[in-house]
N, C-alpha and C. Protein backbone atom coordinates (compact mmCIF):
# COMPACT_ATOMS: atom_id res chain seq x y z
N MET A 1 -6.82 -0.74 10.58
CA MET A 1 -7.59 0.35 9.98
C MET A 1 -8.29 -0.11 8.69
N ILE A 2 -7.55 -0.87 7.83
CA ILE A 2 -8.13 -1.37 6.58
C ILE A 2 -7.94 -2.88 6.51
N PHE A 3 -9.01 -3.58 6.18
CA PHE A 3 -8.94 -5.02 5.96
C PHE A 3 -9.76 -5.36 4.72
N VAL A 4 -9.12 -5.97 3.74
CA VAL A 4 -9.78 -6.34 2.49
C VAL A 4 -9.62 -7.84 2.27
N HIS A 5 -10.71 -8.50 1.92
CA HIS A 5 -10.67 -9.94 1.67
C HIS A 5 -11.44 -10.26 0.39
N ASN A 6 -10.74 -10.87 -0.56
CA ASN A 6 -11.35 -11.31 -1.83
C ASN A 6 -12.12 -10.19 -2.53
N LEU A 7 -11.48 -9.05 -2.66
CA LEU A 7 -12.11 -7.91 -3.34
C LEU A 7 -12.03 -8.09 -4.85
N THR A 8 -13.16 -8.01 -5.50
CA THR A 8 -13.23 -8.07 -6.96
C THR A 8 -14.10 -6.94 -7.47
N LYS A 9 -13.59 -6.21 -8.44
CA LYS A 9 -14.34 -5.14 -9.08
C LYS A 9 -14.29 -5.37 -10.59
N ILE A 10 -15.46 -5.43 -11.22
CA ILE A 10 -15.53 -5.67 -12.65
C ILE A 10 -16.26 -4.51 -13.32
N PHE A 11 -15.64 -3.96 -14.34
CA PHE A 11 -16.32 -2.95 -15.15
C PHE A 11 -17.06 -3.66 -16.27
N GLU A 12 -18.36 -3.49 -16.29
CA GLU A 12 -19.17 -4.17 -17.28
C GLU A 12 -18.98 -3.58 -18.68
N LYS A 13 -18.99 -4.48 -19.66
CA LYS A 13 -18.94 -4.05 -21.06
C LYS A 13 -20.34 -4.13 -21.66
N ALA A 14 -20.41 -4.00 -22.96
CA ALA A 14 -21.70 -4.08 -23.64
C ALA A 14 -22.31 -5.46 -23.47
N ALA A 15 -23.59 -5.57 -23.76
CA ALA A 15 -24.30 -6.84 -23.63
C ALA A 15 -23.57 -7.94 -24.40
N HIS A 16 -23.53 -9.13 -23.79
CA HIS A 16 -22.93 -10.33 -24.36
C HIS A 16 -21.39 -10.27 -24.43
N ALA A 17 -20.81 -9.23 -23.85
CA ALA A 17 -19.35 -9.14 -23.79
C ALA A 17 -18.90 -9.32 -22.35
N GLN A 18 -17.72 -9.91 -22.18
CA GLN A 18 -17.20 -10.12 -20.84
C GLN A 18 -16.76 -8.81 -20.20
N GLY A 19 -16.98 -8.71 -18.89
CA GLY A 19 -16.54 -7.52 -18.17
C GLY A 19 -15.03 -7.52 -17.99
N VAL A 20 -14.51 -6.36 -17.62
CA VAL A 20 -13.08 -6.20 -17.40
C VAL A 20 -12.81 -6.16 -15.91
N HIS A 21 -11.89 -7.01 -15.45
CA HIS A 21 -11.52 -7.00 -14.04
C HIS A 21 -10.67 -5.77 -13.74
N ALA A 22 -11.25 -4.84 -12.99
CA ALA A 22 -10.50 -3.65 -12.59
C ALA A 22 -9.67 -3.93 -11.35
N LEU A 23 -10.18 -4.79 -10.46
CA LEU A 23 -9.46 -5.16 -9.25
C LEU A 23 -9.68 -6.64 -8.94
N SER A 24 -8.64 -7.29 -8.47
CA SER A 24 -8.74 -8.65 -7.97
C SER A 24 -7.71 -8.80 -6.86
N ILE A 25 -8.14 -8.52 -5.63
CA ILE A 25 -7.22 -8.45 -4.49
C ILE A 25 -7.66 -9.46 -3.43
N PRO A 26 -6.94 -10.57 -3.29
CA PRO A 26 -7.31 -11.58 -2.29
C PRO A 26 -7.23 -11.06 -0.86
N SER A 27 -6.21 -10.24 -0.57
CA SER A 27 -6.02 -9.80 0.81
C SER A 27 -5.22 -8.50 0.85
N LEU A 28 -5.62 -7.62 1.76
CA LEU A 28 -4.90 -6.37 1.98
C LEU A 28 -5.20 -5.88 3.39
N GLU A 29 -4.16 -5.53 4.12
CA GLU A 29 -4.33 -4.95 5.45
C GLU A 29 -3.44 -3.72 5.59
N VAL A 30 -3.99 -2.68 6.17
CA VAL A 30 -3.24 -1.47 6.49
C VAL A 30 -3.49 -1.16 7.95
N SER A 31 -2.44 -1.06 8.73
CA SER A 31 -2.57 -0.83 10.17
C SER A 31 -2.77 0.65 10.47
N LEU A 32 -3.36 0.90 11.62
CA LEU A 32 -3.55 2.27 12.10
C LEU A 32 -2.21 2.98 12.18
N GLY A 33 -2.12 4.16 11.60
CA GLY A 33 -0.90 4.95 11.66
C GLY A 33 0.10 4.68 10.56
N GLU A 34 -0.19 3.78 9.64
CA GLU A 34 0.73 3.51 8.54
C GLU A 34 0.67 4.62 7.49
N PHE A 35 1.73 4.73 6.72
CA PHE A 35 1.81 5.61 5.56
C PHE A 35 2.14 4.72 4.37
N VAL A 36 1.13 4.40 3.58
CA VAL A 36 1.27 3.45 2.49
C VAL A 36 1.24 4.19 1.15
N ALA A 37 2.24 3.93 0.32
CA ALA A 37 2.29 4.48 -1.04
C ALA A 37 1.82 3.41 -2.01
N LEU A 38 0.89 3.78 -2.87
CA LEU A 38 0.31 2.86 -3.84
C LEU A 38 0.79 3.29 -5.23
N THR A 39 1.52 2.39 -5.90
CA THR A 39 2.05 2.72 -7.22
C THR A 39 1.48 1.77 -8.27
N GLY A 40 1.70 2.14 -9.52
CA GLY A 40 1.22 1.33 -10.64
C GLY A 40 0.96 2.20 -11.85
N LYS A 41 0.99 1.60 -13.02
CA LYS A 41 0.75 2.35 -14.25
C LYS A 41 -0.67 2.88 -14.30
N SER A 42 -0.89 3.83 -15.17
CA SER A 42 -2.24 4.36 -15.40
C SER A 42 -3.16 3.22 -15.81
N GLY A 43 -4.32 3.13 -15.18
CA GLY A 43 -5.26 2.07 -15.48
C GLY A 43 -5.05 0.79 -14.69
N SER A 44 -4.12 0.83 -13.73
CA SER A 44 -3.82 -0.38 -12.95
C SER A 44 -4.83 -0.61 -11.83
N GLY A 45 -5.68 0.39 -11.52
CA GLY A 45 -6.70 0.20 -10.50
C GLY A 45 -6.51 1.02 -9.25
N LYS A 46 -5.53 1.92 -9.23
CA LYS A 46 -5.23 2.69 -8.02
C LYS A 46 -6.42 3.54 -7.58
N THR A 47 -6.94 4.33 -8.51
CA THR A 47 -8.06 5.22 -8.18
C THR A 47 -9.30 4.41 -7.81
N THR A 48 -9.52 3.31 -8.52
CA THR A 48 -10.67 2.46 -8.21
C THR A 48 -10.59 1.93 -6.79
N LEU A 49 -9.40 1.48 -6.38
CA LEU A 49 -9.22 0.98 -5.01
C LEU A 49 -9.47 2.09 -4.00
N LEU A 50 -8.95 3.29 -4.25
CA LEU A 50 -9.15 4.39 -3.31
C LEU A 50 -10.63 4.76 -3.18
N THR A 51 -11.37 4.75 -4.29
CA THR A 51 -12.79 5.09 -4.21
C THR A 51 -13.57 4.04 -3.43
N ILE A 52 -13.18 2.79 -3.52
CA ILE A 52 -13.85 1.74 -2.74
C ILE A 52 -13.53 1.90 -1.26
N LEU A 53 -12.25 2.11 -0.94
CA LEU A 53 -11.85 2.28 0.46
C LEU A 53 -12.50 3.51 1.08
N GLY A 54 -12.76 4.52 0.25
CA GLY A 54 -13.38 5.75 0.74
C GLY A 54 -14.88 5.69 0.82
N GLY A 55 -15.47 4.54 0.49
CA GLY A 55 -16.92 4.41 0.57
C GLY A 55 -17.65 5.13 -0.54
N LEU A 56 -16.95 5.41 -1.64
CA LEU A 56 -17.54 6.13 -2.76
C LEU A 56 -18.02 5.20 -3.87
N ASP A 57 -17.68 3.94 -3.79
CA ASP A 57 -18.06 2.94 -4.79
C ASP A 57 -18.45 1.67 -4.05
N SER A 58 -19.69 1.27 -4.20
CA SER A 58 -20.18 0.07 -3.50
C SER A 58 -20.44 -1.09 -4.45
N CYS A 59 -20.09 -0.93 -5.73
CA CYS A 59 -20.34 -1.98 -6.72
C CYS A 59 -19.11 -2.89 -6.83
N TYR A 60 -18.97 -3.79 -5.90
CA TYR A 60 -17.85 -4.72 -5.89
C TYR A 60 -18.27 -5.99 -5.15
N GLU A 61 -17.45 -7.01 -5.25
CA GLU A 61 -17.66 -8.24 -4.49
C GLU A 61 -16.50 -8.41 -3.51
N GLY A 62 -16.78 -9.07 -2.39
CA GLY A 62 -15.77 -9.28 -1.38
C GLY A 62 -16.04 -8.44 -0.15
N GLU A 63 -15.13 -8.51 0.82
CA GLU A 63 -15.29 -7.79 2.08
C GLU A 63 -14.30 -6.65 2.19
N VAL A 64 -14.81 -5.49 2.54
CA VAL A 64 -13.96 -4.31 2.76
C VAL A 64 -14.32 -3.72 4.11
N GLN A 65 -13.37 -3.75 5.03
CA GLN A 65 -13.55 -3.13 6.35
C GLN A 65 -12.61 -1.94 6.47
N VAL A 66 -13.14 -0.82 6.93
CA VAL A 66 -12.33 0.37 7.17
C VAL A 66 -12.75 0.96 8.51
N GLY A 67 -11.79 1.12 9.40
CA GLY A 67 -12.10 1.66 10.71
C GLY A 67 -13.08 0.81 11.49
N GLY A 68 -13.05 -0.49 11.26
CA GLY A 68 -13.95 -1.41 11.97
C GLY A 68 -15.32 -1.55 11.35
N GLU A 69 -15.60 -0.83 10.27
CA GLU A 69 -16.90 -0.87 9.61
C GLU A 69 -16.83 -1.73 8.36
N VAL A 70 -17.78 -2.67 8.22
CA VAL A 70 -17.91 -3.42 6.97
C VAL A 70 -18.74 -2.56 6.03
N LEU A 71 -18.10 -2.01 5.02
CA LEU A 71 -18.74 -0.96 4.22
C LEU A 71 -20.02 -1.43 3.54
N ALA A 72 -20.05 -2.68 3.07
CA ALA A 72 -21.22 -3.18 2.34
C ALA A 72 -22.45 -3.29 3.23
N LYS A 73 -22.26 -3.31 4.55
CA LYS A 73 -23.37 -3.46 5.47
C LYS A 73 -23.92 -2.12 5.98
N LEU A 74 -23.28 -1.03 5.60
CA LEU A 74 -23.71 0.27 6.09
C LEU A 74 -24.92 0.78 5.32
N SER A 75 -25.86 1.37 6.04
CA SER A 75 -26.98 2.03 5.39
C SER A 75 -26.48 3.30 4.71
N SER A 76 -27.30 3.91 3.89
CA SER A 76 -26.90 5.15 3.21
C SER A 76 -26.51 6.22 4.22
N ARG A 77 -27.28 6.33 5.31
CA ARG A 77 -26.98 7.34 6.32
C ARG A 77 -25.68 7.02 7.05
N ALA A 78 -25.48 5.73 7.38
CA ALA A 78 -24.26 5.33 8.07
C ALA A 78 -23.04 5.50 7.17
N LEU A 79 -23.21 5.24 5.88
CA LEU A 79 -22.11 5.41 4.94
C LEU A 79 -21.74 6.89 4.80
N ALA A 80 -22.73 7.75 4.79
CA ALA A 80 -22.46 9.18 4.74
C ALA A 80 -21.71 9.63 5.99
N LYS A 81 -22.09 9.11 7.14
CA LYS A 81 -21.40 9.43 8.39
C LYS A 81 -19.96 8.92 8.35
N PHE A 82 -19.77 7.72 7.80
CA PHE A 82 -18.43 7.14 7.66
C PHE A 82 -17.56 8.04 6.79
N ARG A 83 -18.10 8.50 5.67
CA ARG A 83 -17.33 9.36 4.76
C ARG A 83 -17.03 10.71 5.39
N ALA A 84 -17.89 11.14 6.28
CA ALA A 84 -17.69 12.45 6.90
C ALA A 84 -16.71 12.40 8.07
N GLU A 85 -16.70 11.28 8.81
CA GLU A 85 -15.99 11.27 10.09
C GLU A 85 -14.80 10.31 10.16
N THR A 86 -14.79 9.26 9.34
CA THR A 86 -13.74 8.25 9.46
C THR A 86 -12.68 8.39 8.39
N VAL A 87 -13.11 8.60 7.16
CA VAL A 87 -12.18 8.64 6.03
C VAL A 87 -12.28 9.98 5.30
N ALA A 88 -11.16 10.45 4.82
CA ALA A 88 -11.11 11.68 4.01
C ALA A 88 -10.44 11.34 2.69
N SER A 89 -11.05 11.78 1.59
CA SER A 89 -10.52 11.50 0.26
C SER A 89 -10.19 12.79 -0.46
N VAL A 90 -9.00 12.83 -1.06
CA VAL A 90 -8.58 13.98 -1.86
C VAL A 90 -8.11 13.46 -3.21
N PHE A 91 -8.86 13.81 -4.25
CA PHE A 91 -8.52 13.36 -5.59
C PHE A 91 -7.93 14.51 -6.40
N GLN A 92 -7.53 14.24 -7.64
CA GLN A 92 -6.81 15.23 -8.43
C GLN A 92 -7.63 16.48 -8.72
N SER A 93 -8.94 16.35 -8.83
CA SER A 93 -9.81 17.52 -8.96
C SER A 93 -10.18 17.98 -7.55
N PHE A 94 -9.78 19.17 -7.18
CA PHE A 94 -9.94 19.62 -5.80
C PHE A 94 -11.40 19.92 -5.45
N HIS A 95 -12.22 20.28 -6.45
CA HIS A 95 -13.64 20.59 -6.24
C HIS A 95 -13.84 21.69 -5.21
N LEU A 96 -12.99 22.71 -5.25
CA LEU A 96 -13.20 23.87 -4.40
C LEU A 96 -14.27 24.76 -5.05
N ILE A 97 -15.04 25.45 -4.23
CA ILE A 97 -16.09 26.33 -4.74
C ILE A 97 -15.46 27.68 -5.09
N PRO A 98 -15.49 28.07 -6.37
CA PRO A 98 -14.72 29.24 -6.83
C PRO A 98 -14.99 30.53 -6.08
N GLY A 99 -16.25 30.84 -5.78
CA GLY A 99 -16.56 32.13 -5.16
C GLY A 99 -16.42 32.15 -3.65
N TRP A 100 -16.03 31.04 -3.07
CA TRP A 100 -15.89 30.97 -1.61
C TRP A 100 -14.43 31.19 -1.20
N SER A 101 -14.23 31.73 -0.01
CA SER A 101 -12.88 31.89 0.52
C SER A 101 -12.33 30.53 0.94
N ALA A 102 -11.03 30.49 1.20
CA ALA A 102 -10.40 29.27 1.68
C ALA A 102 -11.07 28.78 2.97
N GLU A 103 -11.31 29.72 3.86
CA GLU A 103 -11.97 29.39 5.13
C GLU A 103 -13.34 28.76 4.89
N GLU A 104 -14.11 29.33 3.98
CA GLU A 104 -15.45 28.81 3.69
C GLU A 104 -15.38 27.44 3.03
N ASN A 105 -14.42 27.25 2.13
CA ASN A 105 -14.26 25.95 1.50
C ASN A 105 -13.89 24.87 2.51
N VAL A 106 -13.00 25.20 3.43
CA VAL A 106 -12.59 24.22 4.45
C VAL A 106 -13.77 23.86 5.34
N ALA A 107 -14.64 24.84 5.62
CA ALA A 107 -15.78 24.62 6.52
C ALA A 107 -16.97 23.94 5.84
N LEU A 108 -16.87 23.66 4.55
CA LEU A 108 -17.99 23.07 3.82
C LEU A 108 -18.58 21.83 4.50
N PRO A 109 -17.77 20.90 5.04
CA PRO A 109 -18.35 19.71 5.68
C PRO A 109 -19.29 20.03 6.84
N ALA A 110 -19.17 21.22 7.41
CA ALA A 110 -20.04 21.58 8.54
C ALA A 110 -21.50 21.63 8.12
N LEU A 111 -21.75 21.84 6.83
CA LEU A 111 -23.12 21.87 6.33
C LEU A 111 -23.79 20.51 6.42
N PHE A 112 -22.96 19.45 6.52
CA PHE A 112 -23.48 18.09 6.52
C PHE A 112 -23.17 17.37 7.83
N SER A 113 -22.77 18.11 8.85
CA SER A 113 -22.43 17.50 10.13
C SER A 113 -23.13 18.23 11.27
N LYS A 114 -22.85 17.78 12.48
CA LYS A 114 -23.48 18.36 13.65
C LYS A 114 -22.59 19.41 14.32
N THR A 115 -21.59 19.88 13.60
CA THR A 115 -20.72 20.91 14.16
C THR A 115 -21.53 22.15 14.52
N SER A 116 -21.35 22.65 15.73
CA SER A 116 -22.09 23.84 16.14
C SER A 116 -21.63 25.05 15.32
N ARG A 117 -22.56 25.97 15.08
CA ARG A 117 -22.19 27.16 14.31
C ARG A 117 -21.04 27.91 14.96
N ARG A 118 -21.06 27.93 16.28
CA ARG A 118 -20.01 28.66 17.00
C ARG A 118 -18.65 28.01 16.78
N GLY A 119 -18.63 26.70 16.55
CA GLY A 119 -17.36 26.01 16.42
C GLY A 119 -16.82 25.91 15.01
N VAL A 120 -17.62 26.32 14.02
CA VAL A 120 -17.22 26.13 12.62
C VAL A 120 -15.98 26.95 12.26
N ARG A 121 -16.03 28.24 12.51
CA ARG A 121 -14.91 29.10 12.10
C ARG A 121 -13.62 28.75 12.84
N PRO A 122 -13.63 28.55 14.17
CA PRO A 122 -12.39 28.15 14.83
C PRO A 122 -11.82 26.85 14.28
N ARG A 123 -12.69 25.90 13.96
CA ARG A 123 -12.22 24.63 13.41
C ARG A 123 -11.61 24.83 12.03
N ALA A 124 -12.27 25.65 11.19
CA ALA A 124 -11.74 25.90 9.85
C ALA A 124 -10.36 26.58 9.94
N LEU A 125 -10.23 27.54 10.83
CA LEU A 125 -8.95 28.23 10.99
C LEU A 125 -7.89 27.29 11.55
N GLN A 126 -8.32 26.39 12.43
CA GLN A 126 -7.39 25.40 12.98
C GLN A 126 -6.85 24.51 11.87
N MET A 127 -7.72 24.08 10.94
CA MET A 127 -7.28 23.21 9.86
C MET A 127 -6.41 23.97 8.86
N LEU A 128 -6.71 25.24 8.63
CA LEU A 128 -5.85 26.05 7.77
C LEU A 128 -4.46 26.19 8.40
N GLU A 129 -4.44 26.38 9.70
CA GLU A 129 -3.16 26.45 10.41
C GLU A 129 -2.39 25.14 10.26
N ALA A 130 -3.12 24.02 10.33
CA ALA A 130 -2.49 22.70 10.24
C ALA A 130 -1.80 22.47 8.90
N VAL A 131 -2.34 23.08 7.84
CA VAL A 131 -1.73 22.91 6.52
C VAL A 131 -0.90 24.12 6.10
N GLY A 132 -0.65 25.02 7.07
CA GLY A 132 0.24 26.15 6.82
C GLY A 132 -0.34 27.27 6.00
N LEU A 133 -1.68 27.43 6.04
CA LEU A 133 -2.32 28.46 5.21
C LEU A 133 -3.25 29.37 6.02
N HIS A 134 -2.92 29.59 7.28
CA HIS A 134 -3.76 30.43 8.12
C HIS A 134 -3.89 31.84 7.53
N ASP A 135 -2.83 32.31 6.87
CA ASP A 135 -2.84 33.67 6.32
C ASP A 135 -3.62 33.77 5.00
N LYS A 136 -4.12 32.64 4.49
CA LYS A 136 -4.88 32.64 3.23
C LYS A 136 -6.37 32.42 3.46
N ALA A 137 -6.83 32.63 4.68
CA ALA A 137 -8.22 32.30 5.03
C ALA A 137 -9.23 33.02 4.15
N LYS A 138 -8.95 34.24 3.75
CA LYS A 138 -9.92 35.03 2.99
C LYS A 138 -9.69 34.96 1.48
N SER A 139 -8.67 34.22 1.05
CA SER A 139 -8.37 34.12 -0.37
C SER A 139 -9.30 33.15 -1.06
N THR A 140 -9.67 33.45 -2.29
CA THR A 140 -10.48 32.53 -3.09
C THR A 140 -9.55 31.58 -3.84
N PRO A 141 -10.08 30.45 -4.36
CA PRO A 141 -9.23 29.51 -5.09
C PRO A 141 -8.44 30.15 -6.22
N ALA A 142 -9.04 31.13 -6.91
CA ALA A 142 -8.35 31.78 -8.04
C ALA A 142 -7.12 32.55 -7.58
N GLN A 143 -7.08 32.91 -6.31
CA GLN A 143 -5.95 33.67 -5.76
C GLN A 143 -4.88 32.77 -5.16
N LEU A 144 -5.07 31.46 -5.27
CA LEU A 144 -4.16 30.50 -4.67
C LEU A 144 -3.40 29.72 -5.74
N SER A 145 -2.21 29.27 -5.41
CA SER A 145 -1.43 28.43 -6.32
C SER A 145 -2.00 27.00 -6.30
N GLY A 146 -1.53 26.18 -7.21
CA GLY A 146 -1.98 24.79 -7.25
C GLY A 146 -1.67 24.05 -5.96
N GLY A 147 -0.49 24.28 -5.41
CA GLY A 147 -0.13 23.63 -4.15
C GLY A 147 -0.99 24.09 -3.00
N GLU A 148 -1.32 25.38 -3.00
CA GLU A 148 -2.18 25.92 -1.94
C GLU A 148 -3.60 25.35 -2.06
N ARG A 149 -4.10 25.24 -3.28
CA ARG A 149 -5.43 24.65 -3.46
C ARG A 149 -5.45 23.20 -3.00
N GLN A 150 -4.36 22.49 -3.24
CA GLN A 150 -4.26 21.10 -2.77
C GLN A 150 -4.31 21.05 -1.25
N ARG A 151 -3.62 21.98 -0.60
CA ARG A 151 -3.62 22.02 0.86
C ARG A 151 -5.01 22.37 1.41
N ILE A 152 -5.71 23.27 0.73
CA ILE A 152 -7.08 23.60 1.13
C ILE A 152 -7.96 22.36 1.04
N ALA A 153 -7.80 21.58 -0.03
CA ALA A 153 -8.59 20.36 -0.19
C ALA A 153 -8.31 19.37 0.93
N ILE A 154 -7.06 19.27 1.35
CA ILE A 154 -6.71 18.39 2.46
C ILE A 154 -7.29 18.91 3.77
N ALA A 155 -7.19 20.21 4.01
CA ALA A 155 -7.76 20.80 5.22
C ALA A 155 -9.25 20.55 5.29
N ARG A 156 -9.94 20.73 4.16
CA ARG A 156 -11.38 20.47 4.13
C ARG A 156 -11.69 19.00 4.39
N ALA A 157 -10.89 18.12 3.80
CA ALA A 157 -11.12 16.68 3.97
C ALA A 157 -10.97 16.25 5.43
N LEU A 158 -10.07 16.93 6.15
CA LEU A 158 -9.80 16.55 7.54
C LEU A 158 -10.61 17.36 8.55
N PHE A 159 -11.49 18.23 8.09
CA PHE A 159 -12.26 19.12 8.96
C PHE A 159 -13.00 18.36 10.05
N ALA A 160 -13.59 17.22 9.69
CA ALA A 160 -14.43 16.48 10.64
C ALA A 160 -13.65 15.48 11.50
N GLY A 161 -12.32 15.48 11.38
CA GLY A 161 -11.52 14.63 12.25
C GLY A 161 -11.29 13.23 11.75
N ALA A 162 -11.23 13.03 10.44
CA ALA A 162 -11.00 11.69 9.88
C ALA A 162 -9.70 11.08 10.37
N ARG A 163 -9.69 9.76 10.51
CA ARG A 163 -8.50 9.04 10.94
C ARG A 163 -7.71 8.44 9.79
N LEU A 164 -8.31 8.46 8.57
CA LEU A 164 -7.68 7.89 7.39
C LEU A 164 -7.78 8.90 6.25
N LEU A 165 -6.66 9.17 5.59
CA LEU A 165 -6.64 10.06 4.45
C LEU A 165 -6.21 9.29 3.21
N LEU A 166 -7.05 9.35 2.16
CA LEU A 166 -6.76 8.71 0.88
C LEU A 166 -6.46 9.82 -0.12
N CYS A 167 -5.31 9.76 -0.78
CA CYS A 167 -4.92 10.78 -1.74
C CYS A 167 -4.56 10.15 -3.08
N ASP A 168 -5.05 10.75 -4.15
CA ASP A 168 -4.75 10.27 -5.50
C ASP A 168 -3.84 11.28 -6.19
N GLU A 169 -2.57 10.91 -6.33
CA GLU A 169 -1.56 11.75 -6.99
C GLU A 169 -1.57 13.19 -6.45
N PRO A 170 -1.33 13.36 -5.15
CA PRO A 170 -1.43 14.71 -4.56
C PRO A 170 -0.36 15.68 -5.03
N THR A 171 0.71 15.18 -5.67
CA THR A 171 1.77 16.07 -6.15
C THR A 171 1.84 16.09 -7.68
N GLY A 172 0.82 15.54 -8.34
CA GLY A 172 0.88 15.35 -9.79
C GLY A 172 1.11 16.62 -10.59
N ASN A 173 0.60 17.77 -10.12
CA ASN A 173 0.71 19.01 -10.89
C ASN A 173 1.53 20.07 -10.17
N LEU A 174 2.41 19.63 -9.26
CA LEU A 174 3.16 20.59 -8.45
C LEU A 174 4.62 20.64 -8.87
N ASP A 175 5.25 21.82 -8.67
CA ASP A 175 6.68 21.93 -8.95
C ASP A 175 7.46 21.27 -7.82
N THR A 176 8.78 21.19 -7.99
CA THR A 176 9.61 20.44 -7.04
C THR A 176 9.54 21.02 -5.63
N GLN A 177 9.62 22.35 -5.51
CA GLN A 177 9.59 22.97 -4.19
C GLN A 177 8.24 22.73 -3.50
N THR A 178 7.15 22.90 -4.26
CA THR A 178 5.82 22.71 -3.69
C THR A 178 5.59 21.24 -3.35
N THR A 179 6.13 20.36 -4.17
CA THR A 179 6.04 18.93 -3.91
C THR A 179 6.68 18.58 -2.57
N GLN A 180 7.86 19.14 -2.32
CA GLN A 180 8.54 18.88 -1.05
C GLN A 180 7.69 19.37 0.12
N GLY A 181 7.04 20.52 -0.05
CA GLY A 181 6.16 21.02 1.00
C GLY A 181 5.00 20.08 1.26
N MET A 182 4.43 19.50 0.18
CA MET A 182 3.33 18.56 0.34
C MET A 182 3.79 17.28 1.03
N VAL A 183 4.98 16.81 0.67
CA VAL A 183 5.54 15.61 1.31
C VAL A 183 5.74 15.87 2.80
N ASP A 184 6.28 17.04 3.13
CA ASP A 184 6.50 17.39 4.54
C ASP A 184 5.17 17.44 5.30
N LEU A 185 4.14 18.01 4.67
CA LEU A 185 2.83 18.10 5.30
C LEU A 185 2.25 16.72 5.57
N LEU A 186 2.26 15.85 4.57
CA LEU A 186 1.69 14.52 4.74
C LEU A 186 2.48 13.72 5.78
N SER A 187 3.80 13.88 5.77
CA SER A 187 4.63 13.18 6.76
C SER A 187 4.30 13.65 8.18
N ARG A 188 4.08 14.95 8.33
CA ARG A 188 3.76 15.49 9.65
C ARG A 188 2.39 14.99 10.13
N LEU A 189 1.40 15.00 9.23
CA LEU A 189 0.08 14.50 9.58
C LEU A 189 0.15 13.03 9.98
N ASN A 190 0.97 12.26 9.28
CA ASN A 190 1.15 10.86 9.62
C ASN A 190 1.81 10.71 10.99
N ALA A 191 2.81 11.53 11.27
CA ALA A 191 3.49 11.48 12.56
C ALA A 191 2.55 11.83 13.70
N GLU A 192 1.50 12.62 13.40
CA GLU A 192 0.50 12.99 14.41
C GLU A 192 -0.59 11.94 14.56
N GLY A 193 -0.49 10.83 13.79
CA GLY A 193 -1.41 9.71 13.99
C GLY A 193 -2.35 9.41 12.84
N LEU A 194 -2.31 10.21 11.78
CA LEU A 194 -3.20 9.99 10.65
C LEU A 194 -2.69 8.84 9.79
N THR A 195 -3.58 7.92 9.43
CA THR A 195 -3.24 6.84 8.51
C THR A 195 -3.37 7.36 7.08
N LEU A 196 -2.38 7.04 6.24
CA LEU A 196 -2.35 7.55 4.87
C LEU A 196 -2.23 6.42 3.86
N VAL A 197 -3.05 6.48 2.81
CA VAL A 197 -2.85 5.64 1.63
C VAL A 197 -2.82 6.59 0.45
N VAL A 198 -1.68 6.65 -0.22
CA VAL A 198 -1.45 7.66 -1.26
C VAL A 198 -1.04 6.99 -2.56
N ALA A 199 -1.83 7.21 -3.62
CA ALA A 199 -1.44 6.77 -4.96
C ALA A 199 -0.48 7.79 -5.53
N THR A 200 0.71 7.35 -5.92
CA THR A 200 1.72 8.30 -6.35
C THR A 200 2.81 7.64 -7.18
N HIS A 201 3.46 8.46 -8.02
CA HIS A 201 4.68 8.06 -8.71
C HIS A 201 5.85 8.93 -8.26
N GLU A 202 5.59 9.82 -7.32
CA GLU A 202 6.58 10.82 -6.90
C GLU A 202 7.64 10.17 -5.98
N PRO A 203 8.94 10.20 -6.39
CA PRO A 203 9.99 9.59 -5.57
C PRO A 203 10.06 10.13 -4.15
N LEU A 204 9.81 11.43 -3.96
CA LEU A 204 9.88 12.01 -2.62
C LEU A 204 8.79 11.41 -1.71
N LEU A 205 7.60 11.20 -2.26
CA LEU A 205 6.53 10.59 -1.47
C LEU A 205 6.83 9.12 -1.21
N LEU A 206 7.37 8.45 -2.20
CA LEU A 206 7.71 7.04 -2.03
C LEU A 206 8.74 6.86 -0.92
N SER A 207 9.69 7.77 -0.85
CA SER A 207 10.72 7.65 0.19
C SER A 207 10.16 7.98 1.57
N ALA A 208 9.09 8.79 1.62
CA ALA A 208 8.50 9.16 2.91
C ALA A 208 7.58 8.07 3.46
N ALA A 209 7.03 7.25 2.58
CA ALA A 209 6.08 6.22 3.00
C ALA A 209 6.77 5.11 3.77
N SER A 210 6.02 4.49 4.68
CA SER A 210 6.56 3.38 5.46
C SER A 210 6.41 2.04 4.74
N ARG A 211 5.53 1.99 3.72
CA ARG A 211 5.32 0.74 2.98
C ARG A 211 4.87 1.07 1.56
N HIS A 212 5.30 0.25 0.60
CA HIS A 212 4.92 0.43 -0.80
C HIS A 212 4.08 -0.76 -1.26
N LEU A 213 3.01 -0.45 -2.00
CA LEU A 213 2.21 -1.47 -2.66
C LEU A 213 2.15 -1.13 -4.14
N THR A 214 2.24 -2.16 -4.99
CA THR A 214 2.20 -1.94 -6.43
C THR A 214 1.03 -2.70 -7.03
N LEU A 215 0.22 -1.98 -7.82
CA LEU A 215 -0.89 -2.59 -8.55
C LEU A 215 -0.52 -2.74 -10.01
N ALA A 216 -0.83 -3.90 -10.57
CA ALA A 216 -0.64 -4.15 -11.99
C ALA A 216 -1.86 -4.91 -12.49
N GLU A 217 -2.61 -4.28 -13.40
CA GLU A 217 -3.82 -4.87 -13.94
C GLU A 217 -4.78 -5.32 -12.83
N GLY A 218 -4.87 -4.46 -11.80
CA GLY A 218 -5.81 -4.70 -10.72
C GLY A 218 -5.37 -5.68 -9.65
N ARG A 219 -4.14 -6.14 -9.75
CA ARG A 219 -3.63 -7.12 -8.78
C ARG A 219 -2.42 -6.55 -8.04
N LEU A 220 -2.36 -6.83 -6.75
CA LEU A 220 -1.21 -6.42 -5.96
C LEU A 220 -0.02 -7.31 -6.26
N GLN A 221 1.12 -6.68 -6.50
CA GLN A 221 2.34 -7.44 -6.81
C GLN A 221 3.17 -7.70 -5.56
């Protein structure tokens, strides 16, 4: 599912100053169906790696393949299709639209895909059911808890049928009970065939993952 070779990411500094190596990863492979937990201190490169794998950052050197696609070779249109259909990314800011219902937020990707109008609502309700929030379809984000908003973000991310889910600290702002619910959800999605790469410090998520990777100063340990 993921193949990385000689990945280097440098954050440029001011003129005449050396850039900062954000990532330096000689090799990384993640197989289809794996549940990988990515750990490391703040600033170690976790979020940067996830944005590259998700096709959201193309300013790097090296080869990155995801789902059989060499990301650097994709046109803008092909990259947009890749982000819509192959990979789903959920970061700490959920970016839900405040005035829209949960159902409408989940269906947002339909505006950028070929999903038929007739199929949009059943698909949105199906994804809400998948994350255990079918009864919240008409609720707005303000009427939902933090854990529920996180689940809505995941449902929206998976609306188009992505095979890979990238999550950045999905339990960072959740209480213990809600965290356990999120761990159970991600474990179930993985058991159903979804590949997961999750940046986390949460012990419950670490115990659920099938493999752990640690980043330190942009390097895998």
